Amino acid sequence: MTSIHALLPSKFLRTKILQNILAKSGDTEFPVTIEKILMENAGTDAQPEQKPVMYFIDQTQGLIVNTTNARMLETIFGTDEIEVWVGQRVALWVDMSVTYKGQPDPGIRFRAIGAATLQGPQTNATPPTPNTLGPEPPTDEAEPGGPLPQGF
């Protein structure tokens, strides 16, 4: 059967898509390698909203990085310097205890893979320019669910 979410493409990874990937694989987390982090419009053309978006090697959709996830990554890697995060492996998982505006709304979270030893940036990875991230996101809240693409 086809999910309605498969018919509503999105530029960004959404929780429902990750849940579908994990359900199909039988896994509880999805390992990824961080490729780059860019500031992008996560709003609409009428109401643009610049947010940091993390992209992963071999994946087309980026993940909007909220403050909670940024802090998790800082803890995992021991630094807030995004250039060091590039080339690192982490696991994505779905946290069912996340709320948004007081309502249950599962969210994507990061988890260290293995011993989570910091490997430093990959030599073939292009780190973002110093002004790539711009201002910090304004909230700790998870991003609300939205239109879901066919695949990740």
C-alpha atoms as a PDB file:
ATOM      1  CA  MET A   1       0.000   0.000   0.000  1.00  0.00           C
ATOM      2  CA  THR A   2       1.130   3.531  -0.700  1.00  0.00           C
ATOM      3  CA  SER A   3       1.356   6.040   2.118  1.00  0.00           C
ATOM      4  CA  ILE A   4      -0.015   9.519   1.392  1.00  0.00           C
ATOM      5  CA  HIS A   5       3.309  10.797   2.714  1.00  0.00           C
ATOM      6  CA  ALA A   6       5.091   9.155  -0.208  1.00  0.00           C
ATOM      7  CA  LEU A   7       3.110  11.406  -2.547  1.00  0.00           C
ATOM      8  CA  LEU A   8       3.997  14.650  -0.763  1.00  0.00           C
ATOM      9  CA  PRO A   9       7.680  15.321  -1.445  1.00  0.00           C
ATOM     10  CA  SER A  10       9.798  17.463   0.852  1.00  0.00           C
ATOM     11  CA  LYS A  11      13.315  18.802   0.659  1.00  0.00           C
ATOM     12  CA  PHE A  12      13.875  17.923   4.317  1.00  0.00           C
ATOM     13  CA  LEU A  13      13.926  14.636   6.193  1.00  0.00           C
ATOM     14  CA  ARG A  14      10.826  14.236   8.360  1.00  0.00           C
ATOM     15  CA  THR A  15      10.210  11.937  11.291  1.00  0.00           C
ATOM     16  CA  LYS A  16       7.619   9.843   9.441  1.00  0.00           C
ATOM     17  CA  ILE A  17      10.111   9.031   6.687  1.00  0.00           C
ATOM     18  CA  LEU A  18      12.740   7.888   9.178  1.00  0.00           C
ATOM     19  CA  GLN A  19      10.083   5.819  10.983  1.00  0.00           C
ATOM     20  CA  ASN A  20       9.200   4.121   7.674  1.00  0.00           C
ATOM     21  CA  ILE A  21      12.872   3.406   6.902  1.00  0.00           C
ATOM     22  CA  LEU A  22      13.419   1.913  10.347  1.00  0.00           C
ATOM     23  CA  ALA A  23      10.215  -0.138  10.189  1.00  0.00           C
ATOM     24  CA  LYS A  24      11.199  -1.626   6.828  1.00  0.00           C
ATOM     25  CA  SER A  25      14.726  -2.450   7.997  1.00  0.00           C
ATOM     26  CA  GLY A  26      13.742  -3.681  11.456  1.00  0.00           C
ATOM     27  CA  ASP A  27      16.404  -1.412  12.963  1.00  0.00           C
ATOM     28  CA  THR A  28      16.009   1.212  15.690  1.00  0.00           C
ATOM     29  CA  GLU A  29      18.572   3.645  14.278  1.00  0.00           C
ATOM     30  CA  PHE A  30      19.903   4.711  10.888  1.00  0.00           C
ATOM     31  CA  PRO A  31      23.675   5.325  10.592  1.00  0.00           C
ATOM     32  CA  VAL A  32      24.769   8.328   8.507  1.00  0.00           C
ATOM     33  CA  THR A  33      27.933  10.297   7.755  1.00  0.00           C
ATOM     34  CA  ILE A  34      27.699  14.078   8.001  1.00  0.00           C
ATOM     35  CA  GLU A  35      28.548  15.659   4.646  1.00  0.00           C
ATOM     36  CA  LYS A  36      27.872  19.370   5.230  1.00  0.00           C
ATOM     37  CA  ILE A  37      25.827  21.889   7.198  1.00  0.00           C
ATOM     38  CA  LEU A  38      24.339  24.886   5.393  1.00  0.00           C
ATOM     39  CA  MET A  39      21.959  27.733   6.210  1.00  0.00           C
ATOM     40  CA  GLU A  40      18.837  27.319   4.066  1.00  0.00           C
ATOM     41  CA  ASN A  41      15.323  28.616   3.815  1.00  0.00           C
ATOM     42  CA  ALA A  42      13.148  26.222   5.820  1.00  0.00           C
ATOM     43  CA  GLY A  43      10.124  28.489   5.515  1.00  0.00           C
ATOM     44  CA  THR A  44       8.077  29.500   2.518  1.00  0.00           C
ATOM     45  CA  ASP A  45       8.774  32.010  -0.229  1.00  0.00           C
ATOM     46  CA  ALA A  46       6.276  34.339   1.465  1.00  0.00           C
ATOM     47  CA  GLN A  47       7.786  33.794   4.932  1.00  0.00           C
ATOM     48  CA  PRO A  48      11.419  32.739   4.575  1.00  0.00           C
ATOM     49  CA  GLU A  49      13.118  31.326   7.664  1.00  0.00           C
ATOM     50  CA  GLN A  50      16.827  30.538   7.604  1.00  0.00           C
ATOM     51  CA  LYS A  51      17.823  27.435   9.578  1.00  0.00           C
ATOM     52  CA  PRO A  52      20.854  25.144   9.695  1.00  0.00           C
ATOM     53  CA  VAL A  53      20.355  22.041   7.561  1.00  0.00           C
ATOM     54  CA  MET A  54      22.595  18.986   7.883  1.00  0.00           C
ATOM     55  CA  TYR A  55      23.203  16.822   4.832  1.00  0.00           C
ATOM     56  CA  PHE A  56      24.479  13.251   4.873  1.00  0.00           C
ATOM     57  CA  ILE A  57      26.649  11.343   2.419  1.00  0.00           C
ATOM     58  CA  ASP A  58      24.562   9.188   0.020  1.00  0.00           C
ATOM     59  CA  GLN A  59      21.290  10.848   1.120  1.00  0.00           C
ATOM     60  CA  THR A  60      19.382  13.531  -0.757  1.00  0.00           C
ATOM     61  CA  GLN A  61      17.327  15.092   2.015  1.00  0.00           C
ATOM     62  CA  GLY A  62      18.772  17.339   4.668  1.00  0.00           C
ATOM     63  CA  LEU A  63      17.714  17.443   8.306  1.00  0.00           C
ATOM     64  CA  ILE A  64      16.850  20.793   9.876  1.00  0.00           C
ATOM     65  CA  VAL A  65      19.051  21.029  12.971  1.00  0.00           C
ATOM     66  CA  ASN A  66      17.184  22.446  15.946  1.00  0.00           C
ATOM     67  CA  THR A  67      18.872  23.620  19.140  1.00  0.00           C
ATOM     68  CA  THR A  68      18.300  20.316  20.963  1.00  0.00           C
ATOM     69  CA  ASN A  69      19.983  18.326  18.181  1.00  0.00           C
ATOM     70  CA  ALA A  70      22.814  20.863  17.920  1.00  0.00           C
ATOM     71  CA  ARG A  71      23.495  20.381  21.637  1.00  0.00           C
ATOM     72  CA  MET A  72      23.389  16.593  21.226  1.00  0.00           C
ATOM     73  CA  LEU A  73      25.962  16.783  18.436  1.00  0.00           C
ATOM     74  CA  GLU A  74      28.151  19.084  20.522  1.00  0.00           C
ATOM     75  CA  THR A  75      28.037  16.520  23.340  1.00  0.00           C
ATOM     76  CA  ILE A  76      28.760  13.595  21.003  1.00  0.00           C
ATOM     77  CA  PHE A  77      31.748  15.283  19.362  1.00  0.00           C
ATOM     78  CA  GLY A  78      32.956  17.408  22.274  1.00  0.00           C
ATOM     79  CA  THR A  79      32.917  20.618  20.235  1.00  0.00           C
ATOM     80  CA  ASP A  80      30.472  23.112  18.757  1.00  0.00           C
ATOM     81  CA  GLU A  81      32.676  23.631  15.700  1.00  0.00           C
ATOM     82  CA  ILE A  82      30.691  22.303  12.763  1.00  0.00           C
ATOM     83  CA  GLU A  83      33.768  21.886  10.590  1.00  0.00           C
ATOM     84  CA  VAL A  84      34.825  19.099  12.971  1.00  0.00           C
ATOM     85  CA  TRP A  85      31.431  17.392  12.618  1.00  0.00           C
ATOM     86  CA  VAL A  86      31.839  17.004   8.838  1.00  0.00           C
ATOM     87  CA  GLY A  87      32.837  13.430   7.996  1.00  0.00           C
ATOM     88  CA  GLN A  88      31.693  12.047  11.365  1.00  0.00           C
ATOM     89  CA  ARG A  89      29.290   9.109  11.677  1.00  0.00           C
ATOM     90  CA  VAL A  90      26.207   9.276  13.863  1.00  0.00           C
ATOM     91  CA  ALA A  91      22.945   7.382  14.095  1.00  0.00           C
ATOM     92  CA  LEU A  92      19.508   8.918  13.577  1.00  0.00           C
ATOM     93  CA  TRP A  93      16.671   7.559  15.699  1.00  0.00           C
ATOM     94  CA  VAL A  94      13.088   8.530  16.526  1.00  0.00           C
ATOM     95  CA  ASP A  95      12.429   9.864  20.017  1.00  0.00           C
ATOM     96  CA  MET A  96       8.781   9.203  20.828  1.00  0.00           C
ATOM     97  CA  SER A  97       8.887  11.464  23.931  1.00  0.00           C
ATOM     98  CA  VAL A  98       9.335  14.716  21.968  1.00  0.00           C
ATOM     99  CA  THR A  99       6.581  17.315  22.203  1.00  0.00           C
ATOM    100  CA  TYR A 100       5.885  20.349  20.045  1.00  0.00           C
ATOM    101  CA  LYS A 101       3.746  23.168  21.428  1.00  0.00           C
ATOM    102  CA  GLY A 102       2.709  20.862  24.267  1.00  0.00           C
ATOM    103  CA  GLN A 103       1.546  18.029  22.007  1.00  0.00           C
ATOM    104  CA  PRO A 104       3.248  14.657  21.398  1.00  0.00           C
ATOM    105  CA  ASP A 105       5.222  14.903  18.164  1.00  0.00           C
ATOM    106  CA  PRO A 106       7.997  12.300  17.763  1.00  0.00           C
ATOM    107  CA  GLY A 107      11.270  13.823  16.625  1.00  0.00           C
ATOM    108  CA  ILE A 108      14.533  12.774  15.031  1.00  0.00           C
ATOM    109  CA  ARG A 109      17.523  12.669  17.371  1.00  0.00           C
ATOM    110  CA  PHE A 110      21.226  11.843  17.081  1.00  0.00           C
ATOM    111  CA  ARG A 111      23.110   9.079  18.855  1.00  0.00           C
ATOM    112  CA  ALA A 112      26.827   8.313  18.919  1.00  0.00           C
ATOM    113  CA  ILE A 113      27.923   5.273  16.954  1.00  0.00           C
ATOM    114  CA  GLY A 114      30.179   2.880  18.855  1.00  0.00           C
ATOM    115  CA  ALA A 115      32.690   4.644  21.060  1.00  0.00           C
ATOM    116  CA  ALA A 116      31.976   7.966  19.273  1.00  0.00           C
ATOM    117  CA  THR A 117      35.641   8.786  19.035  1.00  0.00           C
ATOM    118  CA  LEU A 118      36.241  12.023  17.272  1.00  0.00           C
ATOM    119  CA  GLN A 119      37.940  11.378  13.947  1.00  0.00           C
ATOM    120  CA  GLY A 120      38.288  14.968  12.738  1.00  0.00           C
ATOM    121  CA  PRO A 121      37.026  16.202   9.398  1.00  0.00           C
ATOM    122  CA  GLN A 122      37.530  14.000   6.379  1.00  0.00           C
ATOM    123  CA  THR A 123      40.162  15.320   3.994  1.00  0.00           C
ATOM    124  CA  ASN A 124      37.845  14.988   0.998  1.00  0.00           C
ATOM    125  CA  ALA A 125      34.955  16.783   2.719  1.00  0.00           C
ATOM    126  CA  THR A 126      34.471  20.478   2.029  1.00  0.00           C
ATOM    127  CA  PRO A 127      33.744  22.290   5.281  1.00  0.00           C
ATOM    128  CA  PRO A 128      31.250  25.143   5.124  1.00  0.00           C
ATOM    129  CA  THR A 129      32.474  28.709   5.010  1.00  0.00           C
ATOM    130  CA  PRO A 130      32.725  30.516   8.384  1.00  0.00           C
ATOM    131  CA  ASN A 131      29.437  32.369   7.765  1.00  0.00           C
ATOM    132  CA  THR A 132      27.513  29.248   6.741  1.00  0.00           C
ATOM    133  CA  LEU A 133      25.569  28.846   9.970  1.00  0.00           C
ATOM    134  CA  GLY A 134      24.644  32.452  10.749  1.00  0.00           C
ATOM    135  CA  PRO A 135      22.431  33.006  13.822  1.00  0.00           C
ATOM    136  CA  GLU A 136      21.410  30.166  16.112  1.00  0.00           C
ATOM    137  CA  PRO A 137      17.896  28.692  15.830  1.00  0.00           C
ATOM    138  CA  PRO A 138      15.506  30.458  18.216  1.00  0.00           C
ATOM    139  CA  THR A 139      13.959  27.443  19.979  1.00  0.00           C
ATOM    140  CA  ASP A 140      14.610  24.061  21.596  1.00  0.00           C
ATOM    141  CA  GLU A 141      11.368  22.669  20.225  1.00  0.00           C
ATOM    142  CA  ALA A 142      11.416  19.919  17.638  1.00  0.00           C
ATOM    143  CA  GLU A 143      10.379  20.775  14.130  1.00  0.00           C
ATOM    144  CA  PRO A 144       6.700  19.978  13.534  1.00  0.00           C
ATOM    145  CA  GLY A 145       5.754  17.191  11.165  1.00  0.00           C
ATOM    146  CA  GLY A 146       4.946  18.198   7.629  1.00  0.00           C
ATOM    147  CA  PRO A 147       4.712  16.936   4.091  1.00  0.00           C
ATOM    148  CA  LEU A 148       6.658  13.733   3.716  1.00  0.00           C
ATOM    149  CA  PRO A 149       8.719  12.652   0.725  1.00  0.00           C
ATOM    150  CA  GLN A 150       8.744   9.236  -0.865  1.00  0.00           C
ATOM    151  CA  GLY A 151      12.155   8.251   0.436  1.00  0.00           C
ATOM    152  CA  PHE A 152      15.251   9.388   2.183  1.00  0.00           C
END
